[in-house]
């Protein structure tokens, strides 16, 4: 026998052989599963849903938009604040327009229901409780004085009556008799410089039984100097207009105007004993007041002051 054959027969049959050939799979056997990868998942998804890569991307995009956190949240909050601001602004505008409308309606109601104010004569320097108009243009001196005395009689104490003197041939209160025309109608001896210092407007009135004359000035300096010159003829020229006219016959050559101060107001007074006959004073260097009573001088100054403060 061959010894080599005996040695081969002695090799154990269960030892593994080198590089064994993998067994072939039959029709009924399952091959080993491959390692799972993203590429494999995509391939499976394409096979199951028969979808495309575009449909997968759209689904992923929808998923991101429906998530809890996204770029839309801040924009929605900003819109809410803007809406609140415009709502508040609109409310304020409506409130303002309503208030303005109510204010305008109220003032229109007051304007339409208010009693219309009567046009006052331009020569009414103080408030008056009553008035009377007299056409005094062509009246002689005596007739004019008597007409004025009749119109100024019986005025209640504490009230003021205004006598409006009109030019000849007119009944309109806009055609007022001017100061120089009144001085001329009385036939006075007033200095020319004094007459030129007078404004065309003057007011003649009464308070109780006392008479007053207010003349507006265009030049205080000329009026002040002219009145000092006119003092010697003043009682005869205008004294008959005043309630103290009966006392003029008691004047003596020694009766002259003297300085007085009453309520811090300087004045010049002509008196018989303690009885004043004529008093004149200047108000704010703009008006000359001639009267026959201290009380009437007080009333006129108080009303002039009131008119000045109300303007």
C-alpha atoms as a PDB file:
ATOM      1  CA  UNK A   1       0.000   0.000   0.000  1.00  0.00           C
ATOM      2  CA  UNK A   2       0.948   3.616  -0.681  1.00  0.00           C
ATOM      3  CA  UNK A   3       1.855   5.367   2.499  1.00  0.00           C
ATOM      4  CA  UNK A   4       0.744   8.696   1.068  1.00  0.00           C
ATOM      5  CA  UNK A   5      -2.748   7.394   0.617  1.00  0.00           C
ATOM      6  CA  UNK A   6      -2.841   6.339   4.181  1.00  0.00           C
ATOM      7  CA  UNK A   7      -1.880   9.857   5.341  1.00  0.00           C
ATOM      8  CA  UNK A   8      -4.616  11.499   3.306  1.00  0.00           C
ATOM      9  CA  UNK A   9      -7.141   9.141   4.733  1.00  0.00           C
ATOM     10  CA  UNK A  10      -6.081  10.098   8.209  1.00  0.00           C
ATOM     11  CA  UNK A  11      -6.922  13.865   7.781  1.00  0.00           C
ATOM     12  CA  UNK A  12      -9.991  14.686   9.880  1.00  0.00           C
ATOM     13  CA  UNK A  13     -13.105  15.412   7.876  1.00  0.00           C
ATOM     14  CA  UNK A  14     -14.510  18.210  10.208  1.00  0.00           C
ATOM     15  CA  UNK A  15     -11.633  20.754   9.769  1.00  0.00           C
ATOM     16  CA  UNK A  16     -12.642  23.891   7.883  1.00  0.00           C
ATOM     17  CA  UNK A  17     -11.341  24.259   4.426  1.00  0.00           C
ATOM     18  CA  UNK A  18      -9.697  27.436   3.126  1.00  0.00           C
ATOM     19  CA  UNK A  19     -11.785  29.918   1.067  1.00  0.00           C
ATOM     20  CA  UNK A  20     -14.980  27.994   1.094  1.00  0.00           C
ATOM     21  CA  UNK A  21     -17.373  28.849  -1.711  1.00  0.00           C
ATOM     22  CA  UNK A  22     -20.551  30.469  -0.425  1.00  0.00           C
ATOM     23  CA  UNK A  23     -23.421  28.224  -0.869  1.00  0.00           C
ATOM     24  CA  UNK A  24     -25.819  29.113  -3.584  1.00  0.00           C
ATOM     25  CA  UNK A  25     -29.343  30.110  -2.594  1.00  0.00           C
ATOM     26  CA  UNK A  26     -32.129  28.177  -3.852  1.00  0.00           C
ATOM     27  CA  UNK A  27     -35.464  29.413  -4.942  1.00  0.00           C
ATOM     28  CA  UNK A  28     -37.042  29.059  -1.522  1.00  0.00           C
ATOM     29  CA  UNK A  29     -34.224  30.637   0.536  1.00  0.00           C
ATOM     30  CA  UNK A  30     -34.063  34.463   1.595  1.00  0.00           C
ATOM     31  CA  UNK A  31     -30.798  36.394   1.147  1.00  0.00           C
ATOM     32  CA  UNK A  32     -29.263  38.414   4.016  1.00  0.00           C
ATOM     33  CA  UNK A  33     -30.764  41.977   4.501  1.00  0.00           C
ATOM     34  CA  UNK A  34     -28.625  44.920   3.497  1.00  0.00           C
ATOM     35  CA  UNK A  35     -27.684  47.734   5.969  1.00  0.00           C
ATOM     36  CA  UNK A  36     -30.479  50.436   6.108  1.00  0.00           C
ATOM     37  CA  UNK A  37     -29.443  53.798   4.597  1.00  0.00           C
ATOM     38  CA  UNK A  38     -31.190  57.094   3.640  1.00  0.00           C
ATOM     39  CA  UNK A  39     -30.850  56.132   0.007  1.00  0.00           C
ATOM     40  CA  UNK A  40     -32.620  52.942   0.721  1.00  0.00           C
ATOM     41  CA  UNK A  41     -35.449  54.730   2.560  1.00  0.00           C
ATOM     42  CA  UNK A  42     -35.960  57.043  -0.388  1.00  0.00           C
ATOM     43  CA  UNK A  43     -36.055  54.133  -2.753  1.00  0.00           C
ATOM     44  CA  UNK A  44     -38.596  52.328  -0.577  1.00  0.00           C
ATOM     45  CA  UNK A  45     -40.751  55.459  -0.341  1.00  0.00           C
ATOM     46  CA  UNK A  46     -40.713  55.867  -4.074  1.00  0.00           C
ATOM     47  CA  UNK A  47     -41.744  52.267  -4.517  1.00  0.00           C
ATOM     48  CA  UNK A  48     -44.559  52.360  -1.911  1.00  0.00           C
ATOM     49  CA  UNK A  49     -46.143  55.739  -2.747  1.00  0.00           C
ATOM     50  CA  UNK A  50     -45.047  55.901  -6.351  1.00  0.00           C
ATOM     51  CA  UNK A  51     -44.195  59.531  -5.617  1.00  0.00           C
ATOM     52  CA  UNK A  52     -41.512  61.813  -6.870  1.00  0.00           C
ATOM     53  CA  UNK A  53     -38.782  63.788  -5.231  1.00  0.00           C
ATOM     54  CA  UNK A  54     -40.809  66.993  -5.773  1.00  0.00           C
ATOM     55  CA  UNK A  55     -43.782  65.698  -3.744  1.00  0.00           C
ATOM     56  CA  UNK A  56     -41.456  64.794  -0.858  1.00  0.00           C
ATOM     57  CA  UNK A  57     -39.969  68.301  -0.829  1.00  0.00           C
ATOM     58  CA  UNK A  58     -43.436  69.883  -0.818  1.00  0.00           C
ATOM     59  CA  UNK A  59     -44.475  67.726   2.134  1.00  0.00           C
ATOM     60  CA  UNK A  60     -41.339  68.741   4.042  1.00  0.00           C
ATOM     61  CA  UNK A  61     -42.038  72.428   3.326  1.00  0.00           C
ATOM     62  CA  UNK A  62     -45.635  72.146   4.601  1.00  0.00           C
ATOM     63  CA  UNK A  63     -44.383  70.466   7.730  1.00  0.00           C
ATOM     64  CA  UNK A  64     -41.981  73.356   8.477  1.00  0.00           C
ATOM     65  CA  UNK A  65     -44.728  75.991   7.991  1.00  0.00           C
ATOM     66  CA  UNK A  66     -47.139  74.184  10.324  1.00  0.00           C
ATOM     67  CA  UNK A  67     -44.519  73.942  13.065  1.00  0.00           C
ATOM     68  CA  UNK A  68     -44.856  75.771  16.441  1.00  0.00           C
ATOM     69  CA  UNK A  69     -42.044  78.216  15.697  1.00  0.00           C
ATOM     70  CA  UNK A  70     -41.822  80.070  12.430  1.00  0.00           C
ATOM     71  CA  UNK A  71     -41.179  83.449  10.873  1.00  0.00           C
ATOM     72  CA  UNK A  72     -44.945  84.279  10.705  1.00  0.00           C
ATOM     73  CA  UNK A  73     -45.475  84.700  14.472  1.00  0.00           C
ATOM     74  CA  UNK A  74     -43.738  88.088  14.869  1.00  0.00           C
ATOM     75  CA  UNK A  75     -45.542  89.492  11.807  1.00  0.00           C
ATOM     76  CA  UNK A  76     -48.955  88.593  13.243  1.00  0.00           C
ATOM     77  CA  UNK A  77     -48.067  90.346  16.533  1.00  0.00           C
ATOM     78  CA  UNK A  78     -46.955  93.508  14.671  1.00  0.00           C
ATOM     79  CA  UNK A  79     -50.197  93.629  12.720  1.00  0.00           C
ATOM     80  CA  UNK A  80     -52.168  93.363  15.950  1.00  0.00           C
ATOM     81  CA  UNK A  81     -50.323  96.347  17.463  1.00  0.00           C
ATOM     82  CA  UNK A  82     -50.851  98.434  14.333  1.00  0.00           C
ATOM     83  CA  UNK A  83     -54.565  97.665  14.328  1.00  0.00           C
ATOM     84  CA  UNK A  84     -54.845  98.720  17.986  1.00  0.00           C
ATOM     85  CA  UNK A  85     -53.002 101.980  17.293  1.00  0.00           C
ATOM     86  CA  UNK A  86     -55.192 102.936  14.357  1.00  0.00           C
ATOM     87  CA  UNK A  87     -58.309 102.019  16.323  1.00  0.00           C
ATOM     88  CA  UNK A  88     -57.240 104.322  19.173  1.00  0.00           C
ATOM     89  CA  UNK A  89     -56.340 107.109  16.746  1.00  0.00           C
ATOM     90  CA  UNK A  90     -59.696 106.834  15.026  1.00  0.00           C
ATOM     91  CA  UNK A  91     -61.525 106.967  18.355  1.00  0.00           C
ATOM     92  CA  UNK A  92     -59.650 110.122  19.370  1.00  0.00           C
ATOM     93  CA  UNK A  93     -60.422 111.763  16.033  1.00  0.00           C
ATOM     94  CA  UNK A  94     -64.115 110.944  16.346  1.00  0.00           C
ATOM     95  CA  UNK A  95     -64.164 112.319  19.897  1.00  0.00           C
ATOM     96  CA  UNK A  96     -62.434 115.519  18.772  1.00  0.00           C
ATOM     97  CA  UNK A  97     -64.817 116.008  15.856  1.00  0.00           C
ATOM     98  CA  UNK A  98     -67.796 115.398  18.128  1.00  0.00           C
ATOM     99  CA  UNK A  99     -66.545 117.964  20.658  1.00  0.00           C
ATOM    100  CA  UNK A 100     -65.902 120.522  17.919  1.00  0.00           C
ATOM    101  CA  UNK A 101     -69.361 119.955  16.480  1.00  0.00           C
ATOM    102  CA  UNK A 102     -70.994 120.391  19.881  1.00  0.00           C
ATOM    103  CA  UNK A 103     -69.041 123.610  20.524  1.00  0.00           C
ATOM    104  CA  UNK A 104     -69.962 125.044  17.126  1.00  0.00           C
ATOM    105  CA  UNK A 105     -73.614 124.100  17.553  1.00  0.00           C
ATOM    106  CA  UNK A 106     -73.782 125.718  20.981  1.00  0.00           C
ATOM    107  CA  UNK A 107     -72.257 128.994  19.787  1.00  0.00           C
ATOM    108  CA  UNK A 108     -74.529 129.056  16.750  1.00  0.00           C
ATOM    109  CA  UNK A 109     -77.511 128.551  19.054  1.00  0.00           C
ATOM    110  CA  UNK A 110     -76.380 131.402  21.315  1.00  0.00           C
ATOM    111  CA  UNK A 111     -75.711 133.685  18.342  1.00  0.00           C
ATOM    112  CA  UNK A 112     -79.087 133.075  16.729  1.00  0.00           C
ATOM    113  CA  UNK A 113     -81.122 133.319  19.908  1.00  0.00           C
ATOM    114  CA  UNK A 114     -79.308 136.362  21.370  1.00  0.00           C
ATOM    115  CA  UNK A 115     -81.119 139.675  21.320  1.00  0.00           C
ATOM    116  CA  UNK A 116     -79.534 141.886  18.648  1.00  0.00           C
ATOM    117  CA  UNK A 117     -77.670 144.857  20.086  1.00  0.00           C
ATOM    118  CA  UNK A 118     -78.963 148.268  19.123  1.00  0.00           C
ATOM    119  CA  UNK A 119     -76.450 150.519  17.404  1.00  0.00           C
ATOM    120  CA  UNK A 120     -75.267 153.146  19.904  1.00  0.00           C
ATOM    121  CA  UNK A 121     -74.592 156.760  18.939  1.00  0.00           C
ATOM    122  CA  UNK A 122     -70.927 157.523  18.406  1.00  0.00           C
ATOM    123  CA  UNK A 123     -71.038 160.236  21.086  1.00  0.00           C
ATOM    124  CA  UNK A 124     -72.294 157.983  23.892  1.00  0.00           C
ATOM    125  CA  UNK A 125     -69.203 157.967  26.073  1.00  0.00           C
ATOM    126  CA  UNK A 126     -70.936 156.515  29.160  1.00  0.00           C
ATOM    127  CA  UNK A 127     -73.816 154.065  29.514  1.00  0.00           C
ATOM    128  CA  UNK A 128     -77.251 155.667  29.574  1.00  0.00           C
ATOM    129  CA  UNK A 129     -80.566 154.463  30.960  1.00  0.00           C
ATOM    130  CA  UNK A 130     -82.631 156.530  28.533  1.00  0.00           C
ATOM    131  CA  UNK A 131     -82.194 158.886  25.597  1.00  0.00           C
ATOM    132  CA  UNK A 132     -83.948 161.537  23.550  1.00  0.00           C
ATOM    133  CA  UNK A 133     -83.018 162.984  20.143  1.00  0.00           C
ATOM    134  CA  UNK A 134     -83.437 166.691  19.401  1.00  0.00           C
ATOM    135  CA  UNK A 135     -82.994 168.469  16.066  1.00  0.00           C
ATOM    136  CA  UNK A 136     -80.990 171.475  17.302  1.00  0.00           C
ATOM    137  CA  UNK A 137     -79.260 172.757  14.188  1.00  0.00           C
ATOM    138  CA  UNK A 138     -81.042 176.060  13.544  1.00  0.00           C
ATOM    139  CA  UNK A 139     -82.537 176.820  16.970  1.00  0.00           C
ATOM    140  CA  UNK A 140     -81.787 180.243  18.489  1.00  0.00           C
ATOM    141  CA  UNK A 141     -79.811 180.309  21.739  1.00  0.00           C
ATOM    142  CA  UNK A 142     -82.775 180.880  24.065  1.00  0.00           C
ATOM    143  CA  UNK A 143     -84.939 178.295  22.293  1.00  0.00           C
ATOM    144  CA  UNK A 144     -82.113 175.742  22.340  1.00  0.00           C
ATOM    145  CA  UNK A 145     -81.483 176.255  26.077  1.00  0.00           C
ATOM    146  CA  UNK A 146     -85.197 175.978  26.912  1.00  0.00           C
ATOM    147  CA  UNK A 147     -85.585 172.847  24.753  1.00  0.00           C
ATOM    148  CA  UNK A 148     -82.605 171.186  26.411  1.00  0.00           C
ATOM    149  CA  UNK A 149     -83.779 172.137  29.910  1.00  0.00           C
ATOM    150  CA  UNK A 150     -87.169 170.584  29.199  1.00  0.00           C
ATOM    151  CA  UNK A 151     -85.608 167.366  27.837  1.00  0.00           C
ATOM    152  CA  UNK A 152     -83.266 167.008  30.834  1.00  0.00           C
ATOM    153  CA  UNK A 153     -85.906 167.623  33.480  1.00  0.00           C
ATOM    154  CA  UNK A 154     -87.283 164.900  35.738  1.00  0.00           C
ATOM    155  CA  UNK A 155     -84.514 162.323  35.345  1.00  0.00           C
ATOM    156  CA  UNK A 156     -84.682 159.774  38.225  1.00  0.00           C
ATOM    157  CA  UNK A 157     -81.834 159.952  40.721  1.00  0.00           C
ATOM    158  CA  UNK A 158     -79.008 157.489  40.051  1.00  0.00           C
ATOM    159  CA  UNK A 159     -79.889 157.146  36.349  1.00  0.00           C
ATOM    160  CA  UNK A 160     -78.404 158.788  33.264  1.00  0.00           C
ATOM    161  CA  UNK A 161     -80.302 160.293  30.335  1.00  0.00           C
ATOM    162  CA  UNK A 162     -78.544 161.076  27.048  1.00  0.00           C
ATOM    163  CA  UNK A 163     -79.708 163.994  24.898  1.00  0.00           C
ATOM    164  CA  UNK A 164     -78.669 163.376  21.278  1.00  0.00           C
ATOM    165  CA  UNK A 165     -78.368 166.639  19.337  1.00  0.00           C
ATOM    166  CA  UNK A 166     -78.830 166.314  15.584  1.00  0.00           C
ATOM    167  CA  UNK A 167     -78.002 168.654  12.733  1.00  0.00           C
ATOM    168  CA  UNK A 168     -80.725 170.705  11.090  1.00  0.00           C
ATOM    169  CA  UNK A 169     -83.060 168.965   8.669  1.00  0.00           C
ATOM    170  CA  UNK A 170     -82.200 165.393   9.655  1.00  0.00           C
ATOM    171  CA  UNK A 171     -83.623 162.715  11.926  1.00  0.00           C
ATOM    172  CA  UNK A 172     -80.729 160.281  11.575  1.00  0.00           C
ATOM    173  CA  UNK A 173     -78.585 159.716  14.654  1.00  0.00           C
ATOM    174  CA  UNK A 174     -75.547 159.416  12.397  1.00  0.00           C
ATOM    175  CA  UNK A 175     -75.827 163.168  11.601  1.00  0.00           C
ATOM    176  CA  UNK A 176     -74.738 164.373  15.019  1.00  0.00           C
ATOM    177  CA  UNK A 177     -74.296 168.014  15.871  1.00  0.00           C
ATOM    178  CA  UNK A 178     -70.562 168.635  16.229  1.00  0.00           C
ATOM    179  CA  UNK A 179     -68.858 170.366  19.132  1.00  0.00           C
ATOM    180  CA  UNK A 180     -67.912 173.554  17.321  1.00  0.00           C
ATOM    181  CA  UNK A 181     -71.483 173.844  15.981  1.00  0.00           C
ATOM    182  CA  UNK A 182     -72.866 173.449  19.497  1.00  0.00           C
ATOM    183  CA  UNK A 183     -70.452 176.083  20.868  1.00  0.00           C
ATOM    184  CA  UNK A 184     -71.494 178.432  18.072  1.00  0.00           C
ATOM    185  CA  UNK A 185     -75.227 177.787  18.651  1.00  0.00           C
ATOM    186  CA  UNK A 186     -74.787 178.806  22.308  1.00  0.00           C
ATOM    187  CA  UNK A 187     -73.100 182.047  21.244  1.00  0.00           C
ATOM    188  CA  UNK A 188     -70.084 181.499  23.513  1.00  0.00           C
ATOM    189  CA  UNK A 189     -66.856 183.492  23.713  1.00  0.00           C
ATOM    190  CA  UNK A 190     -64.633 180.390  23.875  1.00  0.00           C
ATOM    191  CA  UNK A 191     -61.075 180.995  22.569  1.00  0.00           C
ATOM    192  CA  UNK A 192     -60.425 179.727  19.053  1.00  0.00           C
ATOM    193  CA  UNK A 193     -57.484 177.621  20.251  1.00  0.00           C
ATOM    194  CA  UNK A 194     -59.805 175.895  22.714  1.00  0.00           C
ATOM    195  CA  UNK A 195     -62.500 175.178  20.123  1.00  0.00           C
ATOM    196  CA  UNK A 196     -59.849 173.707  17.793  1.00  0.00           C
ATOM    197  CA  UNK A 197     -58.657 171.470  20.658  1.00  0.00           C
ATOM    198  CA  UNK A 198     -62.139 169.922  20.890  1.00  0.00           C
ATOM    199  CA  UNK A 199     -63.017 166.759  18.960  1.00  0.00           C
ATOM    200  CA  UNK A 200     -66.266 166.873  16.912  1.00  0.00           C
ATOM    201  CA  UNK A 201     -67.928 164.412  19.339  1.00  0.00           C
ATOM    202  CA  UNK A 202     -69.495 165.514  22.635  1.00  0.00           C
ATOM    203  CA  UNK A 203     -72.154 164.115  24.989  1.00  0.00           C
ATOM    204  CA  UNK A 204     -74.837 166.076  26.827  1.00  0.00           C
ATOM    205  CA  UNK A 205     -76.784 164.339  29.573  1.00  0.00           C
ATOM    206  CA  UNK A 206     -78.327 164.431  33.023  1.00  0.00           C
ATOM    207  CA  UNK A 207     -78.118 162.362  36.189  1.00  0.00           C
ATOM    208  CA  UNK A 208     -81.022 163.096  38.475  1.00  0.00           C
ATOM    209  CA  UNK A 209     -81.436 166.912  38.521  1.00  0.00           C
ATOM    210  CA  UNK A 210     -77.790 167.536  37.625  1.00  0.00           C
ATOM    211  CA  UNK A 211     -76.513 168.205  34.087  1.00  0.00           C
ATOM    212  CA  UNK A 212     -73.150 167.169  32.603  1.00  0.00           C
ATOM    213  CA  UNK A 213     -71.271 167.862  29.372  1.00  0.00           C
ATOM    214  CA  UNK A 214     -68.477 165.567  28.130  1.00  0.00           C
ATOM    215  CA  UNK A 215     -66.277 166.834  25.283  1.00  0.00           C
ATOM    216  CA  UNK A 216     -63.712 164.607  23.614  1.00  0.00           C
ATOM    217  CA  UNK A 217     -60.300 166.249  23.120  1.00  0.00           C
ATOM    218  CA  UNK A 218     -57.895 166.244  20.216  1.00  0.00           C
ATOM    219  CA  UNK A 219     -55.238 168.244  22.120  1.00  0.00           C
ATOM    220  CA  UNK A 220     -55.049 168.192  25.918  1.00  0.00           C
ATOM    221  CA  UNK A 221     -52.410 170.922  26.160  1.00  0.00           C
ATOM    222  CA  UNK A 222     -54.432 173.439  24.133  1.00  0.00           C
ATOM    223  CA  UNK A 223     -57.647 172.447  25.918  1.00  0.00           C
ATOM    224  CA  UNK A 224     -56.105 172.908  29.377  1.00  0.00           C
ATOM    225  CA  UNK A 225     -54.690 176.350  28.533  1.00  0.00           C
ATOM    226  CA  UNK A 226     -57.878 177.385  26.722  1.00  0.00           C
ATOM    227  CA  UNK A 227     -60.117 176.452  29.662  1.00  0.00           C
ATOM    228  CA  UNK A 228     -58.087 178.701  31.981  1.00  0.00           C
ATOM    229  CA  UNK A 229     -58.743 181.578  29.578  1.00  0.00           C
ATOM    230  CA  UNK A 230     -62.452 180.700  29.161  1.00  0.00           C
ATOM    231  CA  UNK A 231     -63.119 180.585  32.914  1.00  0.00           C
ATOM    232  CA  UNK A 232     -64.067 184.280  33.095  1.00  0.00           C
ATOM    233  CA  UNK A 233     -66.837 183.868  30.479  1.00  0.00           C
ATOM    234  CA  UNK A 234     -67.778 180.242  31.159  1.00  0.00           C
ATOM    235  CA  UNK A 235     -70.647 180.974  33.635  1.00  0.00           C
ATOM    236  CA  UNK A 236     -72.387 183.329  31.193  1.00  0.00           C
ATOM    237  CA  UNK A 237     -71.706 181.156  28.113  1.00  0.00           C
ATOM    238  CA  UNK A 238     -72.887 177.724  29.354  1.00  0.00           C
ATOM    239  CA  UNK A 239     -74.159 178.313  32.906  1.00  0.00           C
ATOM    240  CA  UNK A 240     -77.763 178.569  31.722  1.00  0.00           C
ATOM    241  CA  UNK A 241     -77.668 174.892  30.626  1.00  0.00           C
ATOM    242  CA  UNK A 242     -77.142 173.605  34.152  1.00  0.00           C
ATOM    243  CA  UNK A 243     -79.471 173.131  37.100  1.00  0.00           C
ATOM    244  CA  UNK A 244     -77.505 175.710  39.117  1.00  0.00           C
ATOM    245  CA  UNK A 245     -78.380 178.501  36.649  1.00  0.00           C
ATOM    246  CA  UNK A 246     -80.523 180.391  39.224  1.00  0.00           C
ATOM    247  CA  UNK A 247     -77.421 180.813  41.416  1.00  0.00           C
ATOM    248  CA  UNK A 248     -75.547 182.693  38.683  1.00  0.00           C
ATOM    249  CA  UNK A 249     -77.144 186.006  39.733  1.00  0.00           C
ATOM    250  CA  UNK A 250     -75.495 185.633  43.130  1.00  0.00           C
ATOM    251  CA  UNK A 251     -71.999 185.694  41.649  1.00  0.00           C
ATOM    252  CA  UNK A 252     -69.721 188.545  42.653  1.00  0.00           C
ATOM    253  CA  UNK A 253     -66.530 189.811  40.987  1.00  0.00           C
ATOM    254  CA  UNK A 254     -64.613 187.878  43.621  1.00  0.00           C
ATOM    255  CA  UNK A 255     -66.209 184.589  42.548  1.00  0.00           C
ATOM    256  CA  UNK A 256     -63.578 182.709  40.573  1.00  0.00           C
ATOM    257  CA  UNK A 257     -62.620 179.123  39.830  1.00  0.00           C
ATOM    258  CA  UNK A 258     -60.367 177.464  42.394  1.00  0.00           C
ATOM    259  CA  UNK A 259     -58.435 174.191  42.466  1.00  0.00           C
ATOM    260  CA  UNK A 260     -59.962 171.242  44.313  1.00  0.00           C
ATOM    261  CA  UNK A 261     -58.971 167.627  44.736  1.00  0.00           C
ATOM    262  CA  UNK A 262     -61.659 165.003  45.128  1.00  0.00           C
ATOM    263  CA  UNK A 263     -60.916 161.268  45.271  1.00  0.00           C
ATOM    264  CA  UNK A 264     -57.392 161.957  44.012  1.00  0.00           C
ATOM    265  CA  UNK A 265     -58.882 163.770  41.010  1.00  0.00           C
ATOM    266  CA  UNK A 266     -57.935 167.382  40.259  1.00  0.00           C
ATOM    267  CA  UNK A 267     -60.703 169.769  39.262  1.00  0.00           C
ATOM    268  CA  UNK A 268     -61.566 173.452  39.048  1.00  0.00           C
ATOM    269  CA  UNK A 269     -64.712 174.688  40.803  1.00  0.00           C
ATOM    270  CA  UNK A 270     -66.778 177.895  40.811  1.00  0.00           C
ATOM    271  CA  UNK A 271     -68.892 178.223  43.955  1.00  0.00           C
ATOM    272  CA  UNK A 272     -71.012 180.655  45.901  1.00  0.00           C
ATOM    273  CA  UNK A 273     -70.197 180.031  49.542  1.00  0.00           C
ATOM    274  CA  UNK A 274     -70.237 176.229  49.832  1.00  0.00           C
ATOM    275  CA  UNK A 275     -72.583 175.746  46.904  1.00  0.00           C
ATOM    276  CA  UNK A 276     -70.853 174.618  43.648  1.00  0.00           C
ATOM    277  CA  UNK A 277     -72.109 176.249  40.464  1.00  0.00           C
ATOM    278  CA  UNK A 278     -69.761 174.857  37.827  1.00  0.00           C
ATOM    279  CA  UNK A 279     -67.013 172.193  38.015  1.00  0.00           C
ATOM    280  CA  UNK A 280     -64.743 170.985  35.254  1.00  0.00           C
ATOM    281  CA  UNK A 281     -62.096 168.260  35.197  1.00  0.00           C
ATOM    282  CA  UNK A 282     -60.091 166.223  32.671  1.00  0.00           C
ATOM    283  CA  UNK A 283     -60.409 162.442  32.385  1.00  0.00           C
ATOM    284  CA  UNK A 284     -57.198 160.691  31.265  1.00  0.00           C
ATOM    285  CA  UNK A 285     -56.275 163.824  29.280  1.00  0.00           C
ATOM    286  CA  UNK A 286     -58.743 162.636  26.622  1.00  0.00           C
ATOM    287  CA  UNK A 287     -62.024 164.160  27.773  1.00  0.00           C
ATOM    288  CA  UNK A 288     -63.267 167.344  29.397  1.00  0.00           C
ATOM    289  CA  UNK A 289     -66.113 167.016  31.923  1.00  0.00           C
ATOM    290  CA  UNK A 290     -68.234 170.057  32.839  1.00  0.00           C
ATOM    291  CA  UNK A 291     -70.989 169.634  35.456  1.00  0.00           C
ATOM    292  CA  UNK A 292     -72.696 171.365  38.374  1.00  0.00           C
ATOM    293  CA  UNK A 293     -72.383 168.694  41.101  1.00  0.00           C
ATOM    294  CA  UNK A 294     -69.593 166.747  42.781  1.00  0.00           C
ATOM    295  CA  UNK A 295     -71.834 163.661  42.903  1.00  0.00           C
ATOM    296  CA  UNK A 296     -72.474 163.853  39.172  1.00  0.00           C
ATOM    297  CA  UNK A 297     -68.730 164.200  38.563  1.00  0.00           C
ATOM    298  CA  UNK A 298     -68.257 160.955  40.526  1.00  0.00           C
ATOM    299  CA  UNK A 299     -70.929 159.157  38.466  1.00  0.00           C
ATOM    300  CA  UNK A 300     -69.471 160.307  35.148  1.00  0.00           C
ATOM    301  CA  UNK A 301     -65.889 159.348  36.097  1.00  0.00           C
ATOM    302  CA  UNK A 302     -67.004 155.924  37.372  1.00  0.00           C
ATOM    303  CA  UNK A 303     -68.895 155.188  34.156  1.00  0.00           C
ATOM    304  CA  UNK A 304     -66.045 156.418  31.973  1.00  0.00           C
ATOM    305  CA  UNK A 305     -63.666 154.147  33.897  1.00  0.00           C
ATOM    306  CA  UNK A 306     -66.038 151.215  33.469  1.00  0.00           C
ATOM    307  CA  UNK A 307     -66.299 151.834  29.719  1.00  0.00           C
ATOM    308  CA  UNK A 308     -62.515 152.046  29.462  1.00  0.00           C
ATOM    309  CA  UNK A 309     -61.989 148.727  31.273  1.00  0.00           C
ATOM    310  CA  UNK A 310     -64.649 146.931  29.206  1.00  0.00           C
ATOM    311  CA  UNK A 311     -62.879 147.656  25.912  1.00  0.00           C
END
